């Protein structure tokens, strides 16, 4: 886990008690909270002005939703890592957030460690979805998807391994994250490649880029 000292954060949530709790958590881990806002419009203004390392946003906020704010922030070209923290478990909400440019989606009723895990995970280029949510299919549904889409043939675990592989993570790290053996990761990789009719990692990454399923990431 990387050191979080000097990491800068902006918080956006319309509930002050939630913002203060997250701020206290961030501060306790050495992060520096640059500011807090209560609505989506103010979040866009503050984030584009300060360009922090991370921004943690709620989905449902006055003036502008978290998803709308993310779209505006991405359009502005900010490199900030965007984390959604929400009560919503709706798959459509989750996929909308990820497609808009969110780097992580967490649940407010999840454990504190999920937020810290997400921050460390996405700063290395990954896309983090709360382990409390079913992740199968979240990366699979794009505008181009159709009933014959080979992604539909992947099992939930194969989809998880696929999304991690194409975002630059190695078998040992994936095994640790998913709590399976590296050999099992290799088995899933071979199976998903066969189903997608892609036979090397370069081909997998190309497939993912074409479907807009990957982000730029560093190797781990």
Protein backbone atom coordinates (compact mmCIF):
# COMPACT_ATOMS: atom_id res chain seq x y z
CA UNK A 1 0.00 0.00 0.00
CA UNK A 2 1.34 3.36 -0.99
CA UNK A 3 1.92 6.15 1.48
CA UNK A 4 -1.01 8.61 1.47
CA UNK A 5 0.78 11.52 3.12
CA UNK A 6 0.51 14.73 1.08
CA UNK A 7 -2.32 13.29 -1.04
CA UNK A 8 -4.87 16.04 -1.65
CA UNK A 9 -8.63 15.51 -1.53
CA UNK A 10 -11.85 17.45 -2.22
CA UNK A 11 -15.14 16.22 -0.71
CA UNK A 12 -18.63 16.75 -2.12
CA UNK A 13 -21.76 15.61 -0.25
CA UNK A 14 -24.90 17.47 0.75
CA UNK A 15 -24.77 16.04 4.27
CA UNK A 16 -22.28 17.90 6.46
CA UNK A 17 -21.92 15.04 8.93
CA UNK A 18 -20.89 12.69 6.10
CA UNK A 19 -18.35 15.20 4.77
CA UNK A 20 -16.86 15.75 8.20
CA UNK A 21 -16.60 12.01 8.82
CA UNK A 22 -14.79 11.42 5.51
CA UNK A 23 -12.57 14.42 6.14
CA UNK A 24 -11.57 13.05 9.54
CA UNK A 25 -10.82 9.65 8.00
CA UNK A 26 -8.69 11.18 5.24
CA UNK A 27 -6.79 13.36 7.69
CA UNK A 28 -6.13 10.39 9.97
CA UNK A 29 -4.40 8.68 7.03
CA UNK A 30 -2.19 11.67 6.30
CA UNK A 31 -4.21 13.12 3.43
CA UNK A 32 -4.85 16.84 3.08
CA UNK A 33 -8.47 17.92 2.56
CA UNK A 34 -8.42 21.01 0.35
CA UNK A 35 -12.10 21.76 0.65
CA UNK A 36 -15.65 20.55 1.15
CA UNK A 37 -18.79 21.44 -0.83
CA UNK A 38 -22.46 20.55 -0.59
CA UNK A 39 -23.58 20.45 -4.23
CA UNK A 40 -22.46 19.21 -7.61
CA UNK A 41 -21.97 22.61 -9.20
CA UNK A 42 -19.69 23.78 -6.42
CA UNK A 43 -17.82 20.46 -6.68
CA UNK A 44 -17.05 21.07 -10.36
CA UNK A 45 -15.85 24.60 -9.62
CA UNK A 46 -13.61 23.57 -6.72
CA UNK A 47 -12.16 20.48 -8.39
CA UNK A 48 -11.35 22.21 -11.68
CA UNK A 49 -9.80 25.13 -9.79
CA UNK A 50 -7.70 23.09 -7.35
CA UNK A 51 -7.12 19.87 -9.36
CA UNK A 52 -6.63 17.66 -6.27
CA UNK A 53 -5.27 14.13 -6.40
CA UNK A 54 -8.68 12.72 -5.45
CA UNK A 55 -12.28 13.87 -5.19
CA UNK A 56 -14.92 11.92 -3.29
CA UNK A 57 -18.46 12.67 -4.45
CA UNK A 58 -21.98 11.62 -3.60
CA UNK A 59 -24.34 10.67 -6.45
CA UNK A 60 -27.38 12.64 -5.32
CA UNK A 61 -26.57 16.31 -4.70
CA UNK A 62 -28.36 19.63 -5.31
CA UNK A 63 -27.82 21.60 -8.53
CA UNK A 64 -25.96 18.77 -10.26
CA UNK A 65 -25.70 15.02 -9.68
CA UNK A 66 -22.37 13.35 -9.05
CA UNK A 67 -22.48 11.74 -12.50
CA UNK A 68 -23.14 15.09 -14.21
CA UNK A 69 -20.32 16.63 -12.20
CA UNK A 70 -17.94 13.87 -13.28
CA UNK A 71 -18.76 14.47 -16.94
CA UNK A 72 -18.01 18.17 -16.60
CA UNK A 73 -14.79 17.51 -14.68
CA UNK A 74 -13.59 15.05 -17.33
CA UNK A 75 -14.54 17.43 -20.12
CA UNK A 76 -12.42 20.09 -18.41
CA UNK A 77 -9.43 17.76 -18.67
CA UNK A 78 -8.75 17.36 -14.95
CA UNK A 79 -6.55 14.41 -14.02
CA UNK A 80 -8.16 14.02 -10.60
CA UNK A 81 -9.13 10.52 -9.51
CA UNK A 82 -12.89 10.50 -8.92
CA UNK A 83 -14.50 8.27 -6.30
CA UNK A 84 -18.27 7.95 -5.96
CA UNK A 85 -19.54 7.22 -2.46
CA UNK A 86 -23.27 6.44 -2.53
CA UNK A 87 -26.11 4.50 -0.95
CA UNK A 88 -27.34 3.36 -4.37
CA UNK A 89 -26.83 -0.25 -5.41
CA UNK A 90 -28.64 0.17 -8.74
CA UNK A 91 -26.56 -1.31 -11.54
CA UNK A 92 -27.64 1.45 -13.93
CA UNK A 93 -26.38 4.08 -11.49
CA UNK A 94 -23.06 2.30 -11.07
CA UNK A 95 -22.48 1.84 -14.80
CA UNK A 96 -23.49 5.46 -15.51
CA UNK A 97 -20.90 6.65 -13.00
CA UNK A 98 -18.13 4.44 -14.40
CA UNK A 99 -18.91 5.38 -18.00
CA UNK A 100 -18.91 9.07 -17.08
CA UNK A 101 -15.35 8.70 -15.82
CA UNK A 102 -15.51 7.62 -12.18
CA UNK A 103 -12.47 5.65 -11.02
CA UNK A 104 -14.25 3.96 -8.12
CA UNK A 105 -17.75 3.29 -6.83
CA UNK A 106 -18.21 2.65 -3.10
CA UNK A 107 -21.17 2.15 -0.80
CA UNK A 108 -21.70 4.43 2.19
CA UNK A 109 -22.59 1.45 4.36
CA UNK A 110 -19.33 -0.31 3.53
CA UNK A 111 -16.34 -0.58 5.87
CA UNK A 112 -13.82 2.25 6.09
CA UNK A 113 -11.09 0.04 4.64
CA UNK A 114 -12.90 -0.04 1.29
CA UNK A 115 -12.30 3.68 0.84
CA UNK A 116 -8.61 3.38 1.64
CA UNK A 117 -8.34 0.30 -0.59
CA UNK A 118 -10.02 2.21 -3.41
CA UNK A 119 -7.70 5.20 -3.09
CA UNK A 120 -4.62 2.99 -3.28
CA UNK A 121 -6.07 0.90 -6.09
CA UNK A 122 -7.16 3.69 -8.42
CA UNK A 123 -4.01 5.75 -7.94
CA UNK A 124 -2.24 2.87 -9.68
CA UNK A 125 -4.65 3.04 -12.61
CA UNK A 126 -7.28 0.49 -11.64
CA UNK A 127 -11.05 0.83 -11.50
CA UNK A 128 -12.42 -0.13 -8.08
CA UNK A 129 -15.96 -1.30 -7.41
CA UNK A 130 -17.07 -2.11 -3.88
CA UNK A 131 -16.68 -5.83 -3.11
CA UNK A 132 -20.20 -5.57 -1.65
CA UNK A 133 -21.58 -5.15 -5.17
CA UNK A 134 -21.92 -7.76 -7.87
CA UNK A 135 -19.34 -6.64 -10.42
CA UNK A 136 -20.25 -9.05 -13.21
CA UNK A 137 -21.51 -7.14 -16.23
CA UNK A 138 -20.65 -3.68 -14.92
CA UNK A 139 -17.88 -3.38 -17.50
CA UNK A 140 -19.69 -5.43 -20.11
CA UNK A 141 -22.61 -3.25 -21.09
CA UNK A 142 -21.67 -0.63 -23.65
CA UNK A 143 -23.72 1.09 -26.32
CA UNK A 144 -22.30 -1.36 -28.84
CA UNK A 145 -23.31 -4.45 -26.87
CA UNK A 146 -25.76 -6.86 -28.45
CA UNK A 147 -27.12 -10.34 -27.62
CA UNK A 148 -24.24 -12.01 -29.48
CA UNK A 149 -21.61 -10.02 -27.61
CA UNK A 150 -18.93 -12.54 -26.50
CA UNK A 151 -18.62 -10.68 -23.19
CA UNK A 152 -22.02 -12.08 -22.26
CA UNK A 153 -20.43 -15.55 -22.18
CA UNK A 154 -18.00 -14.63 -19.40
CA UNK A 155 -18.73 -15.75 -15.87
CA UNK A 156 -18.76 -13.14 -13.07
CA UNK A 157 -15.26 -14.16 -11.97
CA UNK A 158 -13.94 -14.19 -15.54
CA UNK A 159 -15.29 -10.65 -15.97
CA UNK A 160 -13.46 -9.53 -12.84
CA UNK A 161 -10.19 -11.09 -14.01
CA UNK A 162 -10.66 -9.60 -17.48
CA UNK A 163 -11.20 -6.05 -16.18
CA UNK A 164 -8.15 -6.28 -13.91
CA UNK A 165 -5.90 -7.75 -16.60
CA UNK A 166 -6.69 -5.08 -19.17
CA UNK A 167 -6.04 -2.36 -16.60
CA UNK A 168 -2.47 -3.55 -16.17
CA UNK A 169 -2.57 -5.74 -13.06
CA UNK A 170 -0.52 -8.91 -12.86
CA UNK A 171 -1.66 -12.39 -11.88
CA UNK A 172 -0.19 -12.32 -8.35
CA UNK A 173 -1.88 -9.00 -7.52
CA UNK A 174 -5.19 -10.19 -8.98
CA UNK A 175 -4.92 -13.40 -6.97
CA UNK A 176 -4.34 -11.44 -3.76
CA UNK A 177 -7.20 -9.04 -4.50
CA UNK A 178 -9.72 -11.76 -5.35
CA UNK A 179 -8.36 -14.17 -2.72
CA UNK A 180 -7.65 -16.96 -5.19
CA UNK A 181 -4.42 -18.64 -6.28
CA UNK A 182 -2.28 -17.33 -9.19
CA UNK A 183 -2.87 -20.68 -10.90
CA UNK A 184 -6.62 -20.09 -10.70
CA UNK A 185 -6.14 -16.64 -12.22
CA UNK A 186 -4.28 -18.29 -15.11
CA UNK A 187 -7.16 -20.72 -15.53
CA UNK A 188 -9.71 -17.90 -15.70
CA UNK A 189 -7.49 -16.00 -18.11
CA UNK A 190 -7.21 -18.96 -20.46
CA UNK A 191 -10.96 -19.54 -20.31
CA UNK A 192 -11.94 -15.92 -20.97
CA UNK A 193 -9.46 -15.62 -23.82
CA UNK A 194 -10.95 -18.72 -25.40
CA UNK A 195 -14.47 -17.31 -25.08
CA UNK A 196 -13.44 -13.93 -26.50
CA UNK A 197 -11.33 -15.60 -29.20
CA UNK A 198 -8.35 -13.47 -28.18
CA UNK A 199 -5.11 -15.27 -27.50
CA UNK A 200 -2.67 -12.77 -25.96
CA UNK A 201 -2.71 -9.87 -23.52
CA UNK A 202 -2.16 -7.28 -26.25
CA UNK A 203 -5.26 -8.56 -27.99
CA UNK A 204 -7.24 -8.38 -24.74
CA UNK A 205 -6.21 -4.78 -24.16
CA UNK A 206 -7.10 -3.86 -27.75
CA UNK A 207 -10.49 -5.54 -27.31
CA UNK A 208 -11.09 -3.60 -24.09
CA UNK A 209 -10.04 -0.26 -25.61
CA UNK A 210 -12.40 -0.78 -28.53
CA UNK A 211 -15.23 -1.40 -26.07
CA UNK A 212 -14.13 1.52 -23.83
CA UNK A 213 -13.63 -0.87 -20.91
CA UNK A 214 -10.18 0.18 -19.78
CA UNK A 215 -8.29 3.17 -18.41
CA UNK A 216 -4.63 4.12 -18.69
CA UNK A 217 -2.82 2.30 -15.90
CA UNK A 218 0.61 1.48 -14.59
CA UNK A 219 1.90 -2.06 -14.38
CA UNK A 220 1.82 -3.65 -10.97
